Amino acid sequence: MSDSRQYFRQLSGNYTKEGIYRRYSSKKCCLFKNPKKLPLCLILVVPFVLQIFVAVGLVGYLSFKNGQKAVNDLTDQLIDKASQQVSRTR
């Protein structure tokens, strides 16, 4: 009976804030131990994050260039219309 109580106290102690902090803060980063072994979460997350950054950057760049082109086309049309209006009045 006392063994089971002690076991459950030990389990509940692991899930408190201090127990979780103790459990994960004691682990060292495996990159410093063995640089050839990368953690699986790093291998899975980094390519997706890079892919998202590249996609967002490319879409932003293309939309900026498209906006510049549209503004330049509109200004050319406005200048042409204004010059036509001026040439008609003379």
N, C-alpha and C. Protein backbone atom coordinates (compact mmCIF):
# COMPACT_ATOMS: atom_id res chain seq x y z
N MET A 1 0.82 -1.19 0.00
CA MET A 1 0.00 0.00 0.00
C MET A 1 0.87 1.26 0.00
N SER A 2 1.88 1.28 0.81
CA SER A 2 2.75 2.46 0.87
C SER A 2 3.58 2.58 -0.40
N ASP A 3 3.89 1.46 -1.04
CA ASP A 3 4.65 1.52 -2.30
C ASP A 3 3.83 2.20 -3.39
N SER A 4 2.54 1.88 -3.45
CA SER A 4 1.69 2.49 -4.47
C SER A 4 1.51 3.99 -4.20
N ARG A 5 1.38 4.37 -2.94
CA ARG A 5 1.26 5.80 -2.62
C ARG A 5 2.53 6.54 -3.00
N GLN A 6 3.64 5.94 -2.70
CA GLN A 6 4.91 6.58 -3.03
C GLN A 6 5.06 6.70 -4.55
N TYR A 7 4.62 5.67 -5.27
CA TYR A 7 4.69 5.69 -6.73
C TYR A 7 3.83 6.80 -7.30
N PHE A 8 2.60 6.94 -6.78
CA PHE A 8 1.72 7.99 -7.28
C PHE A 8 2.21 9.38 -6.89
N ARG A 9 2.80 9.52 -5.74
CA ARG A 9 3.40 10.81 -5.37
C ARG A 9 4.54 11.16 -6.31
N GLN A 10 5.32 10.16 -6.65
CA GLN A 10 6.43 10.39 -7.55
C GLN A 10 5.91 10.78 -8.93
N LEU A 11 4.86 10.11 -9.39
CA LEU A 11 4.27 10.46 -10.69
C LEU A 11 3.68 11.86 -10.67
N SER A 12 2.95 12.20 -9.65
CA SER A 12 2.34 13.52 -9.60
C SER A 12 3.40 14.61 -9.44
N GLY A 13 4.51 14.29 -8.83
CA GLY A 13 5.59 15.26 -8.70
C GLY A 13 6.25 15.56 -10.03
N ASN A 14 6.24 14.60 -10.94
CA ASN A 14 6.84 14.81 -12.25
C ASN A 14 6.01 15.75 -13.11
N TYR A 15 4.70 15.82 -12.85
CA TYR A 15 3.84 16.64 -13.68
C TYR A 15 3.55 18.01 -13.09
N THR A 16 4.20 18.36 -12.01
CA THR A 16 4.08 19.72 -11.52
C THR A 16 5.03 20.60 -12.32
N LYS A 17 4.90 21.90 -12.13
CA LYS A 17 5.74 22.83 -12.87
C LYS A 17 7.22 22.59 -12.59
N GLU A 18 7.54 22.35 -11.34
CA GLU A 18 8.95 22.13 -10.98
C GLU A 18 9.46 20.81 -11.55
N GLY A 19 8.60 19.78 -11.53
CA GLY A 19 9.02 18.48 -12.04
C GLY A 19 9.28 18.51 -13.52
N ILE A 20 8.41 19.19 -14.25
CA ILE A 20 8.60 19.29 -15.70
C ILE A 20 9.84 20.11 -16.01
N TYR A 21 10.05 21.21 -15.28
CA TYR A 21 11.23 22.02 -15.50
C TYR A 21 12.49 21.22 -15.23
N ARG A 22 12.47 20.45 -14.13
CA ARG A 22 13.64 19.62 -13.80
C ARG A 22 13.91 18.59 -14.87
N ARG A 23 12.84 18.00 -15.39
CA ARG A 23 13.01 16.94 -16.38
C ARG A 23 13.63 17.47 -17.67
N TYR A 24 13.14 18.61 -18.18
CA TYR A 24 13.60 19.08 -19.47
C TYR A 24 14.80 20.01 -19.38
N SER A 25 15.05 20.59 -18.26
CA SER A 25 16.21 21.47 -18.18
C SER A 25 17.49 20.69 -17.98
N SER A 26 17.39 19.44 -17.55
CA SER A 26 18.59 18.66 -17.33
C SER A 26 19.14 18.07 -18.62
N LYS A 27 18.34 18.07 -19.69
CA LYS A 27 18.81 17.50 -20.95
C LYS A 27 19.73 18.49 -21.64
N LYS A 28 20.81 17.99 -22.16
CA LYS A 28 21.72 18.81 -22.93
C LYS A 28 21.34 18.71 -24.40
N CYS A 29 21.68 19.72 -25.13
CA CYS A 29 21.39 19.69 -26.55
C CYS A 29 22.29 18.66 -27.22
N CYS A 30 21.69 17.83 -28.03
CA CYS A 30 22.48 16.75 -28.62
C CYS A 30 23.39 17.26 -29.74
N LEU A 31 23.22 18.50 -30.17
CA LEU A 31 24.12 19.05 -31.19
C LEU A 31 25.53 19.23 -30.66
N PHE A 32 25.62 19.51 -29.37
CA PHE A 32 26.94 19.70 -28.79
C PHE A 32 27.62 18.38 -28.44
N LYS A 33 26.82 17.36 -28.16
CA LYS A 33 27.40 16.07 -27.85
C LYS A 33 27.95 15.41 -29.11
N ASN A 34 27.11 15.30 -30.11
CA ASN A 34 27.50 14.64 -31.34
C ASN A 34 26.94 15.45 -32.50
N PRO A 35 27.76 16.23 -33.18
CA PRO A 35 27.24 17.10 -34.23
C PRO A 35 26.69 16.34 -35.44
N LYS A 36 27.05 15.07 -35.59
CA LYS A 36 26.56 14.30 -36.73
C LYS A 36 25.13 13.84 -36.53
N LYS A 37 24.68 13.75 -35.29
CA LYS A 37 23.31 13.32 -35.01
C LYS A 37 22.44 14.55 -34.77
N LEU A 38 21.50 14.77 -35.66
CA LEU A 38 20.56 15.88 -35.49
C LEU A 38 19.25 15.34 -34.95
N PRO A 39 18.57 16.09 -34.11
CA PRO A 39 17.28 15.62 -33.61
C PRO A 39 16.24 15.59 -34.73
N LEU A 40 15.33 14.65 -34.62
CA LEU A 40 14.31 14.46 -35.66
C LEU A 40 13.42 15.68 -35.79
N CYS A 41 13.07 16.32 -34.68
CA CYS A 41 12.19 17.49 -34.77
C CYS A 41 12.88 18.61 -35.55
N LEU A 42 14.18 18.74 -35.41
CA LEU A 42 14.92 19.77 -36.15
C LEU A 42 14.94 19.44 -37.63
N ILE A 43 15.12 18.16 -37.95
CA ILE A 43 15.16 17.75 -39.35
C ILE A 43 13.79 17.95 -40.01
N LEU A 44 12.72 17.78 -39.27
CA LEU A 44 11.39 17.93 -39.84
C LEU A 44 10.92 19.37 -39.88
N VAL A 45 11.28 20.16 -38.89
CA VAL A 45 10.73 21.52 -38.79
C VAL A 45 11.47 22.51 -39.66
N VAL A 46 12.78 22.45 -39.70
CA VAL A 46 13.58 23.47 -40.39
C VAL A 46 13.24 23.55 -41.89
N PRO A 47 13.15 22.44 -42.64
CA PRO A 47 12.80 22.59 -44.06
C PRO A 47 11.43 23.21 -44.29
N PHE A 48 10.45 22.88 -43.45
CA PHE A 48 9.12 23.47 -43.63
C PHE A 48 9.13 24.95 -43.30
N VAL A 49 9.84 25.35 -42.29
CA VAL A 49 9.92 26.77 -41.94
C VAL A 49 10.64 27.55 -43.05
N LEU A 50 11.71 26.98 -43.58
CA LEU A 50 12.41 27.65 -44.69
C LEU A 50 11.51 27.74 -45.91
N GLN A 51 10.77 26.68 -46.19
CA GLN A 51 9.87 26.69 -47.33
C GLN A 51 8.79 27.77 -47.17
N ILE A 52 8.28 27.92 -45.99
CA ILE A 52 7.26 28.95 -45.74
C ILE A 52 7.84 30.34 -45.91
N PHE A 53 9.05 30.56 -45.36
CA PHE A 53 9.67 31.87 -45.52
C PHE A 53 9.96 32.20 -46.97
N VAL A 54 10.43 31.22 -47.74
CA VAL A 54 10.70 31.45 -49.16
C VAL A 54 9.42 31.75 -49.90
N ALA A 55 8.36 31.00 -49.63
CA ALA A 55 7.08 31.22 -50.32
C ALA A 55 6.51 32.60 -50.00
N VAL A 56 6.54 32.98 -48.73
CA VAL A 56 6.01 34.29 -48.33
C VAL A 56 6.85 35.41 -48.93
N GLY A 57 8.15 35.25 -48.91
CA GLY A 57 9.02 36.27 -49.50
C GLY A 57 8.82 36.40 -51.00
N LEU A 58 8.68 35.27 -51.69
CA LEU A 58 8.49 35.30 -53.14
C LEU A 58 7.15 35.94 -53.50
N VAL A 59 6.10 35.59 -52.79
CA VAL A 59 4.78 36.18 -53.06
C VAL A 59 4.81 37.68 -52.77
N GLY A 60 5.46 38.08 -51.68
CA GLY A 60 5.57 39.50 -51.37
C GLY A 60 6.34 40.27 -52.43
N TYR A 61 7.44 39.69 -52.89
CA TYR A 61 8.26 40.34 -53.92
C TYR A 61 7.48 40.47 -55.23
N LEU A 62 6.81 39.38 -55.64
CA LEU A 62 6.06 39.43 -56.90
C LEU A 62 4.89 40.40 -56.82
N SER A 63 4.21 40.46 -55.70
CA SER A 63 3.10 41.41 -55.59
C SER A 63 3.60 42.85 -55.57
N PHE A 64 4.75 43.07 -54.95
CA PHE A 64 5.33 44.42 -54.96
C PHE A 64 5.69 44.84 -56.38
N LYS A 65 6.34 43.95 -57.13
CA LYS A 65 6.72 44.26 -58.51
C LYS A 65 5.49 44.47 -59.38
N ASN A 66 4.46 43.64 -59.18
CA ASN A 66 3.23 43.80 -59.95
C ASN A 66 2.55 45.12 -59.63
N GLY A 67 2.57 45.53 -58.38
CA GLY A 67 2.00 46.82 -57.99
C GLY A 67 2.76 47.98 -58.61
N GLN A 68 4.08 47.87 -58.64
CA GLN A 68 4.89 48.92 -59.27
C GLN A 68 4.57 49.03 -60.76
N LYS A 69 4.42 47.88 -61.41
CA LYS A 69 4.12 47.89 -62.84
C LYS A 69 2.75 48.52 -63.10
N ALA A 70 1.77 48.20 -62.27
CA ALA A 70 0.43 48.76 -62.44
C ALA A 70 0.45 50.28 -62.24
N VAL A 71 1.17 50.73 -61.25
CA VAL A 71 1.24 52.18 -61.00
C VAL A 71 1.95 52.88 -62.15
N ASN A 72 3.02 52.28 -62.65
CA ASN A 72 3.73 52.90 -63.78
C ASN A 72 2.86 52.94 -65.03
N ASP A 73 2.08 51.89 -65.28
CA ASP A 73 1.17 51.89 -66.43
C ASP A 73 0.10 52.98 -66.28
N LEU A 74 -0.45 53.12 -65.09
CA LEU A 74 -1.46 54.16 -64.87
C LEU A 74 -0.88 55.56 -65.02
N THR A 75 0.31 55.77 -64.54
CA THR A 75 0.92 57.11 -64.70
C THR A 75 1.21 57.40 -66.16
N ASP A 76 1.63 56.38 -66.92
CA ASP A 76 1.85 56.59 -68.36
C ASP A 76 0.54 56.94 -69.06
N GLN A 77 -0.55 56.26 -68.71
CA GLN A 77 -1.84 56.58 -69.30
C GLN A 77 -2.29 57.99 -68.93
N LEU A 78 -2.06 58.37 -67.68
CA LEU A 78 -2.45 59.71 -67.25
C LEU A 78 -1.65 60.79 -67.97
N ILE A 79 -0.37 60.56 -68.12
CA ILE A 79 0.48 61.53 -68.83
C ILE A 79 0.06 61.63 -70.29
N ASP A 80 -0.24 60.50 -70.92
CA ASP A 80 -0.69 60.52 -72.32
C ASP A 80 -2.00 61.28 -72.47
N LYS A 81 -2.96 61.02 -71.57
CA LYS A 81 -4.24 61.72 -71.66
C LYS A 81 -4.08 63.21 -71.41
N ALA A 82 -3.24 63.56 -70.46
CA ALA A 82 -3.03 64.98 -70.18
C ALA A 82 -2.36 65.66 -71.36
N SER A 83 -1.41 65.00 -71.98
CA SER A 83 -0.74 65.62 -73.14
C SER A 83 -1.69 65.72 -74.33
N GLN A 84 -2.59 64.75 -74.50
CA GLN A 84 -3.60 64.84 -75.56
C GLN A 84 -4.55 66.01 -75.31
N GLN A 85 -4.95 66.21 -74.05
CA GLN A 85 -5.85 67.30 -73.72
C GLN A 85 -5.17 68.65 -73.99
N VAL A 86 -3.89 68.74 -73.65
CA VAL A 86 -3.16 69.99 -73.86
C VAL A 86 -2.99 70.26 -75.34
N SER A 87 -2.71 69.22 -76.13
CA SER A 87 -2.49 69.41 -77.57
C SER A 87 -3.81 69.76 -78.28
N ARG A 88 -4.96 69.31 -77.77
CA ARG A 88 -6.25 69.65 -78.37
C ARG A 88 -6.62 71.10 -78.15
N THR A 89 -6.27 71.62 -76.99
CA THR A 89 -6.65 72.99 -76.67
C THR A 89 -5.83 74.02 -77.42
N ARG A 90 -4.71 73.65 -77.96
CA ARG A 90 -3.87 74.63 -78.68
C ARG A 90 -4.34 74.87 -80.05
